[in-house]
Amino acid sequence: MWTTLFLRMMRQLIKRGALEITMPDGSVERFGSGDLIRLKLTDPTLPRRIVLSPELAVGEGYMDGTLVIEGDDLYGLLTLGIRNFSLGQGHGLERHIGPWLRRFQQFNPVGRAKDNVAHHYDLSGKLYDLFLDEDKQYSCAYFIDPTMTLEAAQIAKKRHIADKLLIEPDMRVLDIGCGWGGMALTLAQEYGAQVTGVTLSEEQHALATQRVKDAGLEDRIDIRLQDYRELDKRFDRIVSVGMFEHVGVPHYREYFDHVRKKLRGDGVALIHTIGRAAPPSRTSPWVNKYIFPGGYVPAMSEALKAIEKERLWVTDVEVWRLHYAETLKHWHDRFMDRVDEAKELYDERFCRMWRFYLVASELTFRLHRQCVFQFQLTRKQESVPLTRDYLYKSEPQRQRTAAQ
């Protein structure tokens, strides 16, 4: 029965490109026409599992080595999948149970949020050293020039955000989800800010604290292992890069309520997040299980609805489209160049999982309406200039400096 359902599903779905599958019993089936991707399924449970949850089963099959792609053409397979599957909508059983699971998966109170963060960010720091830039920026870089190095593009990202924050010396800045401390170090060193960074990752907290000490900036930067909701101070500026994806829709109003309450009357906040240039959907079950439990990429409408209800001014919205695709391509190529070192840290299955994550993420930005949103928020509409000219007056010189 499951084989019959599997073959029927493939015939219905594969309309662009061609897929040839060698089934576990040795039979060969072909679907669609055009550029051909060849697969071999060696696990007899895979057809059933793909019917029930295609994204989860394909990812697990690749990780386990029971879904074998000719030439290990993961880019080709996932491109075929994204172009034919309505990713984010669900198929089979998951179409029916997805809406019921969404609210439970995104329920992130303080304790559960820390556990979810640990799942991804408390992996060995040596793993991230294999593919990130020297500053360990684990978020979208800003490729003003497509020939920029990853390091230069990450510097450009931080400076562009700092310009949007209109940082002045001695301003008190809150960095929500400060990662390994790169943004805090930049704001303190280049702009003279006083920065409080909060993270729920013990690994990130330890390294960020050490980096601050090594830079001699302990009097300007305070890195805390703490949930942002537990802070009771107010700040001139608030920045959050790559953290909002972990908040969860049920907590959006709570998040922006805290941003408003922690922001001084004339303060400015900059929220940088992966976004969905499409209506609200759901998180891939494979990503939720293996990569970012509790994570969710918001549609702009979901974020703005919460912002509006918390009485914040949206003074600027910027959409970055292919910047993250280029960032992920850099990460993938760097990771694969050093994959043998990754195998020494973990194992073959982990490395296949990590590659699947990087390639799937890149192609989602290229092919499936995923992007990055930057929301500039204030409590008063006059807290920022009336035009965006201030963002670009110094940018050419800044980018020349970053590229050197």
Protein backbone atom coordinates (compact mmCIF):
# COMPACT_ATOMS: atom_id res chain seq x y z
CA MET A 1 0.00 0.00 0.00
CA TRP A 2 2.70 2.49 0.99
CA THR A 3 4.70 1.89 -2.18
CA THR A 4 1.58 2.53 -4.27
CA LEU A 5 0.86 5.75 -2.37
CA PHE A 6 4.47 6.84 -2.69
CA LEU A 7 4.54 6.34 -6.46
CA ARG A 8 1.21 8.13 -6.85
CA MET A 9 2.48 11.08 -4.82
CA MET A 10 5.65 11.33 -6.92
CA ARG A 11 3.66 11.30 -10.16
CA GLN A 12 1.46 14.11 -8.89
CA LEU A 13 4.31 16.26 -7.59
CA ILE A 14 7.15 16.04 -10.08
CA LYS A 15 6.15 18.43 -12.87
CA ARG A 16 9.42 20.36 -13.39
CA GLY A 17 12.55 18.35 -14.07
CA ALA A 18 12.89 14.57 -13.85
CA LEU A 19 13.51 12.15 -11.01
CA GLU A 20 14.54 8.51 -11.33
CA ILE A 21 14.26 6.37 -8.22
CA THR A 22 15.65 2.89 -7.67
CA MET A 23 13.26 1.46 -5.10
CA PRO A 24 14.34 -0.76 -2.19
CA ASP A 25 13.15 -3.85 -4.12
CA GLY A 26 15.39 -2.93 -7.07
CA SER A 27 12.66 -1.68 -9.40
CA VAL A 28 13.25 1.63 -11.18
CA GLU A 29 10.62 4.38 -11.46
CA ARG A 30 10.88 7.63 -13.39
CA PHE A 31 8.87 10.82 -12.96
CA GLY A 32 8.69 14.05 -14.96
CA SER A 33 10.91 15.10 -17.84
CA GLY A 34 13.96 17.24 -18.37
CA ASP A 35 17.15 17.42 -16.29
CA LEU A 36 17.42 14.11 -14.46
CA ILE A 37 18.27 13.45 -10.81
CA ARG A 38 18.82 9.80 -9.85
CA LEU A 39 18.12 8.42 -6.39
CA LYS A 40 18.47 5.04 -4.78
CA LEU A 41 16.40 4.15 -1.71
CA THR A 42 17.96 1.35 0.33
CA ASP A 43 15.67 1.46 3.36
CA PRO A 44 12.30 -0.25 2.75
CA THR A 45 10.64 2.10 5.27
CA LEU A 46 11.52 5.24 3.30
CA PRO A 47 8.54 5.21 0.88
CA ARG A 48 6.11 5.11 3.81
CA ARG A 49 8.00 7.78 5.74
CA ILE A 50 8.18 10.06 2.69
CA VAL A 51 4.42 9.78 2.20
CA LEU A 52 3.83 10.75 5.82
CA SER A 53 6.41 13.56 6.04
CA PRO A 54 8.49 14.19 2.89
CA GLU A 55 10.82 16.86 4.27
CA LEU A 56 11.61 14.92 7.44
CA ALA A 57 12.09 11.58 5.68
CA VAL A 58 14.25 12.91 2.83
CA GLY A 59 16.50 14.74 5.29
CA GLU A 60 16.83 11.68 7.51
CA GLY A 61 17.42 9.42 4.53
CA TYR A 62 20.28 11.65 3.34
CA MET A 63 21.75 11.79 6.85
CA ASP A 64 21.59 8.01 7.27
CA GLY A 65 22.94 7.26 3.81
CA THR A 66 19.81 5.29 2.89
CA LEU A 67 18.76 7.90 0.32
CA VAL A 68 21.68 7.91 -2.12
CA ILE A 69 21.93 10.66 -4.75
CA GLU A 70 23.93 9.93 -7.87
CA GLY A 71 27.07 12.04 -7.71
CA ASP A 72 25.97 13.23 -4.25
CA ASP A 73 24.16 16.03 -6.12
CA LEU A 74 22.37 17.44 -3.09
CA TYR A 75 21.98 20.83 -4.76
CA GLY A 76 20.25 19.17 -7.69
CA LEU A 77 17.87 17.10 -5.58
CA LEU A 78 16.83 19.96 -3.32
CA THR A 79 16.40 22.32 -6.27
CA LEU A 80 14.08 19.75 -7.84
CA GLY A 81 12.22 19.38 -4.55
CA ILE A 82 11.76 23.10 -3.93
CA ARG A 83 10.57 23.73 -7.47
CA ASN A 84 7.95 20.98 -7.25
CA PHE A 85 6.90 20.80 -3.61
CA SER A 86 5.04 23.67 -1.96
CA LEU A 87 7.52 23.71 0.88
CA GLY A 88 6.06 25.13 4.03
CA GLN A 89 2.55 23.88 3.22
CA GLY A 90 3.03 20.25 4.13
CA HIS A 91 2.07 17.03 2.34
CA GLY A 92 0.35 13.86 3.37
CA LEU A 93 -0.37 13.46 7.06
CA GLU A 94 1.66 16.53 8.07
CA ARG A 95 -0.76 18.77 6.13
CA HIS A 96 -3.44 17.83 8.67
CA ILE A 97 -1.48 17.75 11.92
CA GLY A 98 0.86 20.70 11.17
CA PRO A 99 -1.47 23.47 12.37
CA TRP A 100 -2.05 21.62 15.65
CA LEU A 101 1.69 21.17 16.26
CA ARG A 102 2.71 24.72 15.40
CA ARG A 103 1.60 26.43 18.61
CA PHE A 104 3.11 23.69 20.78
CA GLN A 105 6.45 23.76 18.93
CA GLN A 106 6.73 27.54 19.23
CA PHE A 107 5.84 27.76 22.91
CA ASN A 108 9.14 29.15 24.28
CA PRO A 109 8.95 30.14 27.95
CA VAL A 110 12.25 30.98 29.63
CA GLY A 111 13.33 27.42 30.51
CA ARG A 112 12.35 25.84 27.22
CA ALA A 113 13.93 28.67 25.24
CA LYS A 114 17.30 27.94 26.89
CA ASP A 115 17.03 24.23 26.02
CA ASN A 116 16.20 25.06 22.40
CA VAL A 117 19.17 27.41 22.14
CA ALA A 118 21.52 24.82 23.63
CA HIS A 119 20.48 22.27 20.98
CA HIS A 120 22.15 24.34 18.24
CA TYR A 121 24.41 26.99 19.73
CA ASP A 122 26.09 24.85 22.39
CA LEU A 123 27.66 22.59 19.79
CA SER A 124 31.46 22.58 19.82
CA GLY A 125 32.89 26.01 19.14
CA LYS A 126 35.42 24.26 16.90
CA LEU A 127 32.58 23.34 14.53
CA TYR A 128 31.68 26.99 13.95
CA ASP A 129 35.34 27.86 13.48
CA LEU A 130 35.34 25.64 10.40
CA PHE A 131 33.00 27.83 8.36
CA LEU A 132 32.30 31.20 10.00
CA ASP A 133 34.33 34.36 9.51
CA GLU A 134 36.97 35.39 12.04
CA ASP A 135 34.44 37.40 14.05
CA LYS A 136 32.09 34.38 14.26
CA GLN A 137 29.12 36.19 12.76
CA TYR A 138 26.39 33.54 12.49
CA SER A 139 23.87 35.63 10.57
CA CYS A 140 23.36 37.15 7.14
CA ALA A 141 26.27 39.15 5.73
CA TYR A 142 25.78 42.30 3.63
CA PHE A 143 27.27 41.98 0.15
CA ILE A 144 27.32 45.55 -1.14
CA ASP A 145 29.76 44.26 -3.75
CA PRO A 146 29.24 40.61 -4.84
CA THR A 147 33.02 40.13 -4.94
CA MET A 148 33.41 40.93 -1.23
CA THR A 149 34.94 38.34 1.03
CA LEU A 150 32.76 36.88 3.76
CA GLU A 151 34.79 38.78 6.36
CA ALA A 152 34.26 42.11 4.59
CA ALA A 153 30.54 41.47 4.09
CA GLN A 154 30.07 40.68 7.78
CA ILE A 155 31.84 43.90 8.75
CA ALA A 156 29.57 45.76 6.33
CA LYS A 157 26.51 44.16 7.98
CA LYS A 158 27.53 45.31 11.46
CA ARG A 159 28.30 48.84 10.33
CA HIS A 160 25.06 49.15 8.39
CA ILE A 161 23.13 48.12 11.50
CA ALA A 162 25.13 50.52 13.68
CA ASP A 163 24.32 53.37 11.28
CA LYS A 164 20.61 52.54 11.53
CA LEU A 165 20.90 52.67 15.31
CA LEU A 166 22.45 56.17 15.16
CA ILE A 167 24.96 55.18 17.82
CA GLU A 168 26.73 57.92 19.76
CA PRO A 169 29.52 57.55 22.35
CA ASP A 170 28.47 56.26 25.77
CA MET A 171 24.99 55.28 24.68
CA ARG A 172 23.67 52.24 26.56
CA VAL A 173 22.91 49.44 24.12
CA LEU A 174 21.13 46.14 24.70
CA ASP A 175 22.15 43.31 22.35
CA ILE A 176 19.43 40.62 22.52
CA GLY A 177 20.94 37.31 21.46
CA CYS A 178 24.52 38.60 21.35
CA GLY A 179 26.06 35.40 20.01
CA TRP A 180 29.83 35.28 20.33
CA GLY A 181 30.00 39.01 21.02
CA GLY A 182 30.96 40.40 17.60
CA MET A 183 28.30 43.09 17.44
CA ALA A 184 28.95 44.18 21.03
CA LEU A 185 32.68 44.46 20.32
CA THR A 186 32.07 46.53 17.19
CA LEU A 187 29.65 48.92 18.92
CA ALA A 188 32.05 49.42 21.83
CA GLN A 189 35.30 49.66 19.84
CA GLU A 190 34.16 51.69 16.83
CA TYR A 191 31.27 53.70 18.30
CA GLY A 192 32.13 54.02 22.01
CA ALA A 193 28.90 52.43 23.21
CA GLN A 194 28.24 50.79 26.57
CA VAL A 195 26.83 47.36 25.66
CA THR A 196 24.91 44.74 27.60
CA GLY A 197 24.74 41.49 25.65
CA VAL A 198 22.45 38.62 26.62
CA THR A 199 22.53 35.05 25.38
CA LEU A 200 21.08 31.71 26.49
CA SER A 201 24.00 29.72 25.08
CA GLU A 202 26.64 28.74 27.61
CA GLU A 203 29.22 28.21 24.86
CA GLN A 204 28.56 31.62 23.35
CA HIS A 205 28.56 33.31 26.74
CA ALA A 206 31.94 31.82 27.67
CA LEU A 207 33.64 32.79 24.41
CA ALA A 208 32.06 36.25 24.20
CA THR A 209 33.13 36.99 27.76
CA GLN A 210 36.69 35.93 26.97
CA ARG A 211 36.76 38.03 23.80
CA VAL A 212 35.66 41.08 25.79
CA LYS A 213 38.40 40.43 28.33
CA ASP A 214 41.02 39.94 25.62
CA ALA A 215 39.98 43.25 24.01
CA GLY A 216 40.29 45.09 27.32
CA LEU A 217 36.65 46.21 27.13
CA GLU A 218 35.26 44.82 30.38
CA ASP A 219 34.39 48.38 31.44
CA ARG A 220 32.24 48.83 28.30
CA ILE A 221 30.72 45.41 27.60
CA ASP A 222 28.75 43.18 29.96
CA ILE A 223 27.92 39.74 28.54
CA ARG A 224 25.22 37.92 30.49
CA LEU A 225 23.89 34.36 30.42
CA GLN A 226 20.33 35.58 30.81
CA ASP A 227 16.94 35.71 29.10
CA TYR A 228 16.17 39.18 27.77
CA ARG A 229 12.81 39.01 29.56
CA GLU A 230 14.57 39.01 32.93
CA LEU A 231 16.29 42.39 32.44
CA ASP A 232 14.83 45.39 34.26
CA LYS A 233 16.96 48.19 32.80
CA ARG A 234 16.23 50.72 30.05
CA PHE A 235 18.53 51.43 27.12
CA ASP A 236 19.20 54.11 24.52
CA ARG A 237 19.42 51.49 21.78
CA ILE A 238 18.37 47.87 21.31
CA VAL A 239 19.79 45.57 18.65
CA SER A 240 18.86 41.98 17.93
CA VAL A 241 20.42 40.04 15.05
CA GLY A 242 19.24 36.53 14.20
CA MET A 243 17.38 35.98 17.46
CA PHE A 244 13.77 36.79 16.56
CA GLU A 245 13.53 33.51 14.61
CA HIS A 246 13.66 31.73 17.98
CA VAL A 247 10.93 33.74 19.71
CA GLY A 248 7.88 31.85 18.42
CA VAL A 249 4.63 33.40 17.19
CA PRO A 250 2.85 32.97 20.56
CA HIS A 251 5.50 35.25 22.10
CA TYR A 252 5.69 38.02 19.49
CA ARG A 253 3.65 40.55 21.45
CA GLU A 254 5.59 39.69 24.60
CA TYR A 255 8.86 40.25 22.73
CA PHE A 256 7.91 43.66 21.34
CA ASP A 257 6.36 44.67 24.67
CA HIS A 258 9.79 44.10 26.25
CA VAL A 259 11.49 46.03 23.44
CA ARG A 260 9.19 49.01 24.04
CA LYS A 261 9.53 48.92 27.82
CA LYS A 262 13.31 48.55 27.72
CA LEU A 263 13.75 51.39 25.21
CA ARG A 264 14.13 54.96 26.45
CA GLY A 265 11.63 57.52 25.16
CA ASP A 266 13.80 58.69 22.26
CA GLY A 267 15.49 55.32 21.76
CA VAL A 268 15.93 53.28 18.58
CA ALA A 269 15.76 49.51 18.08
CA LEU A 270 16.94 47.44 15.11
CA ILE A 271 15.55 43.92 14.73
CA HIS A 272 17.28 41.82 12.06
CA THR A 273 15.54 38.52 11.29
CA ILE A 274 15.10 35.92 8.59
CA GLY A 275 11.68 36.49 7.06
CA ARG A 276 9.12 34.98 4.75
CA ALA A 277 8.05 36.96 1.67
CA ALA A 278 4.83 34.95 1.65
CA PRO A 279 1.86 34.32 3.94
CA PRO A 280 2.41 32.66 7.35
CA SER A 281 3.31 28.99 7.22
CA ARG A 282 5.15 26.49 9.41
CA THR A 283 8.67 25.25 10.14
CA SER A 284 10.04 22.27 8.26
CA PRO A 285 9.69 19.22 10.54
CA TRP A 286 13.28 18.24 9.71
CA VAL A 287 14.60 21.68 10.71
CA ASN A 288 12.49 21.64 13.88
CA LYS A 289 13.79 18.21 14.90
CA TYR A 290 17.46 18.47 14.00
CA ILE A 291 18.49 22.11 13.65
CA PHE A 292 16.33 24.75 15.35
CA PRO A 293 13.72 23.28 17.71
CA GLY A 294 11.10 25.91 18.45
CA GLY A 295 12.33 28.09 15.58
CA TYR A 296 10.07 29.80 13.05
CA VAL A 297 10.58 32.19 10.12
CA PRO A 298 7.92 34.92 10.31
CA ALA A 299 5.95 36.49 7.53
CA MET A 300 6.22 40.28 7.61
CA SER A 301 2.51 40.46 8.41
CA GLU A 302 3.00 38.40 11.58
CA ALA A 303 5.80 40.59 12.89
CA LEU A 304 4.10 43.88 12.00
CA LYS A 305 0.83 42.82 13.60
CA ALA A 306 2.61 42.37 16.93
CA ILE A 307 4.62 45.59 16.54
CA GLU A 308 1.50 47.62 15.85
CA LYS A 309 -0.27 46.31 18.93
CA GLU A 310 2.69 47.23 21.15
CA ARG A 311 2.54 50.88 20.06
CA LEU A 312 5.94 51.07 18.38
CA TRP A 313 6.73 53.17 15.33
CA VAL A 314 8.09 51.24 12.36
CA THR A 315 10.42 53.95 11.09
CA ASP A 316 12.17 51.82 8.48
CA VAL A 317 11.86 48.35 6.93
CA GLU A 318 14.60 46.96 4.70
CA VAL A 319 14.40 43.66 2.84
CA TRP A 320 17.58 41.76 1.98
CA ARG A 321 16.87 39.14 -0.66
CA LEU A 322 19.88 37.12 -1.83
CA HIS A 323 22.41 38.27 0.76
CA TYR A 324 21.77 35.25 2.96
CA ALA A 325 21.95 32.84 0.02
CA GLU A 326 25.45 34.17 -0.71
CA THR A 327 26.37 33.95 2.98
CA LEU A 328 25.24 30.32 3.16
CA LYS A 329 27.16 29.46 -0.02
CA HIS A 330 30.32 30.77 1.64
CA TRP A 331 29.54 28.73 4.77
CA HIS A 332 28.85 25.56 2.79
CA ASP A 333 32.03 25.80 0.75
CA ARG A 334 34.14 26.51 3.83
CA PHE A 335 32.54 23.63 5.72
CA MET A 336 33.09 21.16 2.89
CA ASP A 337 36.72 22.28 2.55
CA ARG A 338 37.22 21.19 6.17
CA VAL A 339 34.67 18.42 6.46
CA ASP A 340 37.30 15.91 7.57
CA GLU A 341 37.92 18.07 10.64
CA ALA A 342 34.17 18.12 11.30
CA LYS A 343 34.10 14.30 11.16
CA GLU A 344 36.77 14.22 13.86
CA LEU A 345 34.54 16.41 16.05
CA TYR A 346 31.34 14.46 15.39
CA ASP A 347 30.75 11.75 12.76
CA GLU A 348 29.75 11.14 9.15
CA ARG A 349 26.02 11.33 9.91
CA PHE A 350 26.39 14.70 11.62
CA CYS A 351 28.36 16.09 8.69
CA ARG A 352 25.72 14.93 6.24
CA MET A 353 23.07 16.56 8.44
CA TRP A 354 25.02 19.84 8.55
CA ARG A 355 25.55 19.86 4.79
CA PHE A 356 21.84 19.19 4.22
CA TYR A 357 21.01 22.13 6.51
CA LEU A 358 23.37 24.55 4.74
CA VAL A 359 22.33 23.58 1.20
CA ALA A 360 18.60 23.50 1.97
CA SER A 361 18.84 26.89 3.66
CA GLU A 362 20.72 28.46 0.76
CA LEU A 363 18.24 27.17 -1.81
CA THR A 364 15.27 28.31 0.27
CA PHE A 365 16.61 31.87 -0.02
CA ARG A 366 17.27 31.48 -3.74
CA LEU A 367 14.08 29.67 -4.74
CA HIS A 368 11.43 29.80 -2.05
CA ARG A 369 10.61 33.39 -1.02
CA GLN A 370 12.80 33.53 2.05
CA CYS A 371 14.67 36.74 2.82
CA VAL A 372 15.86 38.95 5.68
CA PHE A 373 13.89 41.77 7.29
CA GLN A 374 15.39 44.68 9.21
CA PHE A 375 12.84 46.57 11.30
CA GLN A 376 13.90 49.93 12.71
CA LEU A 377 11.59 50.73 15.63
CA THR A 378 11.10 53.75 17.91
CA ARG A 379 8.71 54.94 20.56
CA LYS A 380 8.61 58.41 18.99
CA GLN A 381 8.42 59.06 15.25
CA GLU A 382 10.90 61.95 15.43
CA SER A 383 13.66 59.80 16.97
CA VAL A 384 15.27 59.17 13.57
CA PRO A 385 15.90 61.45 10.54
CA LEU A 386 13.09 61.97 8.05
CA THR A 387 15.00 60.40 5.16
CA ARG A 388 17.43 57.51 4.76
CA ASP A 389 20.26 59.73 3.49
CA TYR A 390 22.14 59.40 6.80
CA LEU A 391 22.65 55.67 6.14
CA TYR A 392 24.66 56.10 2.97
CA LYS A 393 26.72 59.27 3.33
CA SER A 394 29.62 57.44 4.97
CA GLU A 395 29.00 54.00 3.55
CA PRO A 396 31.40 54.05 0.54
CA GLN A 397 34.34 54.92 2.78
CA ARG A 398 33.25 52.39 5.39
CA GLN A 399 33.04 49.62 2.83
CA ARG A 400 36.46 50.46 1.38
CA THR A 401 37.83 50.17 4.91
CA ALA A 402 36.02 46.86 5.48
CA ALA A 403 37.46 45.38 2.29
CA GLN A 404 41.04 46.20 3.27
